[in-house]
């Protein structure tokens, strides 16, 4: 794998439109507290809606309520990750799909599922769209140095200079034994 560094100010400004930039949380106890709090609010909100007859029937209220809460809670799911991945110290930029982005949608077939991705509107530099990269770290792998050269070549092919986007190699070993 690779760790890719981005210009955080550029990303924060980009995130102001239909996106959330957030730090991934790997703490199981915090996950449990979060879900307990969500569940408590979900139950309270639902019962309040039943008492106030917010819909013509309980079935209609249940449907309306579940759609609302599902859309609200799903915003937080990308920021919750298993504790084993804590060393990644990951941040995620999560985009909430807008109709205008559908033509930019790209699909990737993975081993067990197909994923959807929306390409970002990138900054223009010398007439070419570019990512606001600050560096790339080649992760633990069998041939780190060869990967470092390949990543550097890929960046140069895309118009980045070696000084602008340095490529380094992790000090974490590929295998412990």
Protein backbone atom coordinates (compact mmCIF):
# COMPACT_ATOMS: atom_id res chain seq x y z
CA UNK A 1 0.00 0.00 0.00
CA UNK A 2 0.82 3.65 -0.20
CA UNK A 3 0.22 6.63 2.05
CA UNK A 4 -0.53 9.75 0.03
CA UNK A 5 -0.10 13.19 1.58
CA UNK A 6 -2.41 16.02 0.53
CA UNK A 7 -2.39 19.78 1.07
CA UNK A 8 -4.75 19.95 4.06
CA UNK A 9 -5.85 23.57 3.45
CA UNK A 10 -6.86 22.76 -0.12
CA UNK A 11 -8.75 19.65 1.03
CA UNK A 12 -10.53 21.59 3.80
CA UNK A 13 -11.67 24.21 1.31
CA UNK A 14 -12.78 21.48 -1.09
CA UNK A 15 -14.70 19.73 1.71
CA UNK A 16 -16.80 22.81 2.37
CA UNK A 17 -19.06 21.79 -0.54
CA UNK A 18 -21.15 18.62 0.04
CA UNK A 19 -18.32 16.79 1.81
CA UNK A 20 -17.14 15.96 5.28
CA UNK A 21 -13.46 15.78 6.10
CA UNK A 22 -12.90 13.75 9.22
CA UNK A 23 -10.43 11.75 11.20
CA UNK A 24 -11.14 8.02 11.35
CA UNK A 25 -11.80 6.68 14.85
CA UNK A 26 -10.35 3.29 15.82
CA UNK A 27 -11.40 3.18 19.50
CA UNK A 28 -13.95 0.42 20.19
CA UNK A 29 -15.13 2.03 23.45
CA UNK A 30 -15.79 5.33 21.65
CA UNK A 31 -17.67 3.41 18.94
CA UNK A 32 -19.85 1.77 21.60
CA UNK A 33 -20.55 5.12 23.31
CA UNK A 34 -21.41 6.70 19.96
CA UNK A 35 -23.83 3.94 18.99
CA UNK A 36 -25.42 3.90 22.46
CA UNK A 37 -25.98 7.66 22.16
CA UNK A 38 -27.40 7.31 18.63
CA UNK A 39 -29.71 4.51 19.72
CA UNK A 40 -30.95 6.53 22.68
CA UNK A 41 -31.75 9.51 20.43
CA UNK A 42 -33.32 7.30 17.76
CA UNK A 43 -35.73 5.76 20.28
CA UNK A 44 -36.57 9.13 21.84
CA UNK A 45 -37.19 10.75 18.44
CA UNK A 46 -39.34 7.85 17.24
CA UNK A 47 -41.52 7.76 20.37
CA UNK A 48 -41.87 11.55 20.29
CA UNK A 49 -43.11 11.28 16.69
CA UNK A 50 -45.63 8.61 17.66
CA UNK A 51 -46.92 10.76 20.56
CA UNK A 52 -47.21 13.85 18.34
CA UNK A 53 -48.70 11.89 15.41
CA UNK A 54 -46.15 13.28 12.93
CA UNK A 55 -47.59 11.04 10.19
CA UNK A 56 -51.06 9.70 9.32
CA UNK A 57 -50.20 6.22 10.62
CA UNK A 58 -47.49 4.50 12.65
CA UNK A 59 -46.40 2.66 9.49
CA UNK A 60 -45.99 5.95 7.60
CA UNK A 61 -44.11 7.48 10.52
CA UNK A 62 -41.84 4.42 10.77
CA UNK A 63 -40.94 4.68 7.08
CA UNK A 64 -40.30 8.44 7.25
CA UNK A 65 -38.35 8.11 10.48
CA UNK A 66 -36.15 5.21 9.29
CA UNK A 67 -35.23 7.03 6.07
CA UNK A 68 -34.28 10.16 8.01
CA UNK A 69 -32.13 8.34 10.57
CA UNK A 70 -30.51 6.03 8.05
CA UNK A 71 -29.38 9.06 6.02
CA UNK A 72 -28.10 10.77 9.16
CA UNK A 73 -26.22 7.81 10.66
CA UNK A 74 -24.67 6.70 7.36
CA UNK A 75 -22.69 9.95 7.32
CA UNK A 76 -20.65 8.72 10.28
CA UNK A 77 -20.00 5.14 9.16
CA UNK A 78 -16.92 5.94 7.02
CA UNK A 79 -15.19 7.38 10.08
CA UNK A 80 -15.43 4.21 12.18
CA UNK A 81 -12.80 1.54 11.62
CA UNK A 82 -11.52 -1.56 13.39
CA UNK A 83 -8.79 -0.91 16.01
CA UNK A 84 -6.28 -3.07 14.11
CA UNK A 85 -5.96 -0.29 11.53
CA UNK A 86 -5.08 2.39 14.12
CA UNK A 87 -1.52 2.77 12.79
CA UNK A 88 -2.95 4.17 9.53
CA UNK A 89 -4.04 7.39 11.32
CA UNK A 90 -6.41 7.87 8.40
CA UNK A 91 -8.49 10.89 7.46
CA UNK A 92 -11.34 10.53 5.00
CA UNK A 93 -13.03 12.93 2.65
CA UNK A 94 -16.61 11.71 2.31
CA UNK A 95 -18.76 13.08 -0.49
CA UNK A 96 -22.55 13.13 -0.27
CA UNK A 97 -23.73 12.30 -3.76
CA UNK A 98 -25.42 15.12 -5.65
CA UNK A 99 -27.24 14.70 -8.96
CA UNK A 100 -24.67 16.92 -10.71
CA UNK A 101 -21.95 14.37 -9.92
CA UNK A 102 -23.59 11.34 -11.52
CA UNK A 103 -21.80 11.83 -14.88
CA UNK A 104 -18.47 11.78 -12.97
CA UNK A 105 -19.29 8.46 -11.26
CA UNK A 106 -16.70 5.70 -11.74
CA UNK A 107 -17.03 2.04 -10.80
CA UNK A 108 -14.44 -0.50 -9.68
CA UNK A 109 -15.01 -4.23 -9.47
CA UNK A 110 -13.31 -5.59 -6.35
CA UNK A 111 -12.96 -9.23 -5.29
CA UNK A 112 -16.32 -9.36 -3.54
CA UNK A 113 -18.20 -6.22 -4.60
CA UNK A 114 -18.43 -3.29 -6.96
CA UNK A 115 -17.60 0.13 -5.51
CA UNK A 116 -18.65 3.59 -6.67
CA UNK A 117 -16.40 6.63 -6.73
CA UNK A 118 -16.93 10.24 -7.72
CA UNK A 119 -13.91 12.00 -9.17
CA UNK A 120 -13.03 15.25 -7.43
CA UNK A 121 -12.91 18.60 -9.15
CA UNK A 122 -9.17 19.21 -9.07
CA UNK A 123 -7.03 22.31 -9.06
CA UNK A 124 -5.66 23.37 -12.43
CA UNK A 125 -1.89 23.82 -12.72
CA UNK A 126 -0.26 24.64 -16.08
CA UNK A 127 -3.57 23.86 -17.77
CA UNK A 128 -3.76 20.34 -16.29
CA UNK A 129 -5.99 19.04 -13.47
CA UNK A 130 -3.88 17.91 -10.52
CA UNK A 131 -4.25 16.54 -7.05
CA UNK A 132 -2.89 18.75 -4.25
CA UNK A 133 -0.21 16.18 -3.35
CA UNK A 134 2.53 16.80 -0.79
CA UNK A 135 4.20 13.39 -0.78
CA UNK A 136 3.86 9.62 -1.13
CA UNK A 137 5.15 6.95 1.24
CA UNK A 138 5.65 3.44 -0.13
CA UNK A 139 4.36 1.00 2.47
CA UNK A 140 5.80 -2.35 3.54
CA UNK A 141 6.23 -4.60 0.51
CA UNK A 142 8.72 -7.03 -0.94
CA UNK A 143 10.33 -4.55 -3.38
CA UNK A 144 10.05 -1.09 -1.75
CA UNK A 145 12.82 0.54 -3.76
CA UNK A 146 11.41 -0.60 -7.11
CA UNK A 147 7.96 0.63 -6.05
CA UNK A 148 9.51 3.97 -5.04
CA UNK A 149 11.03 4.39 -8.52
CA UNK A 150 7.74 3.40 -10.20
CA UNK A 151 5.71 5.85 -8.10
CA UNK A 152 8.21 8.62 -8.89
CA UNK A 153 7.93 7.84 -12.61
CA UNK A 154 4.12 7.85 -12.39
CA UNK A 155 4.19 11.25 -10.68
CA UNK A 156 6.60 12.71 -13.25
CA UNK A 157 4.38 11.36 -16.05
CA UNK A 158 1.51 13.26 -14.45
CA UNK A 159 3.49 16.52 -14.27
CA UNK A 160 4.76 16.48 -10.68
CA UNK A 161 8.41 17.16 -9.88
CA UNK A 162 10.55 15.15 -7.43
CA UNK A 163 10.92 18.15 -5.13
CA UNK A 164 7.23 19.05 -5.27
CA UNK A 165 6.00 15.54 -4.33
CA UNK A 166 8.76 13.51 -2.67
CA UNK A 167 8.41 9.72 -2.65
CA UNK A 168 9.81 8.01 0.44
CA UNK A 169 9.89 4.44 1.71
CA UNK A 170 8.49 3.31 5.06
CA UNK A 171 10.84 2.03 7.72
CA UNK A 172 8.32 -0.64 8.74
CA UNK A 173 9.60 -4.07 7.64
CA UNK A 174 7.60 -6.18 5.18
CA UNK A 175 7.93 -9.28 7.36
CA UNK A 176 8.95 -9.64 10.97
CA UNK A 177 10.44 -13.12 10.56
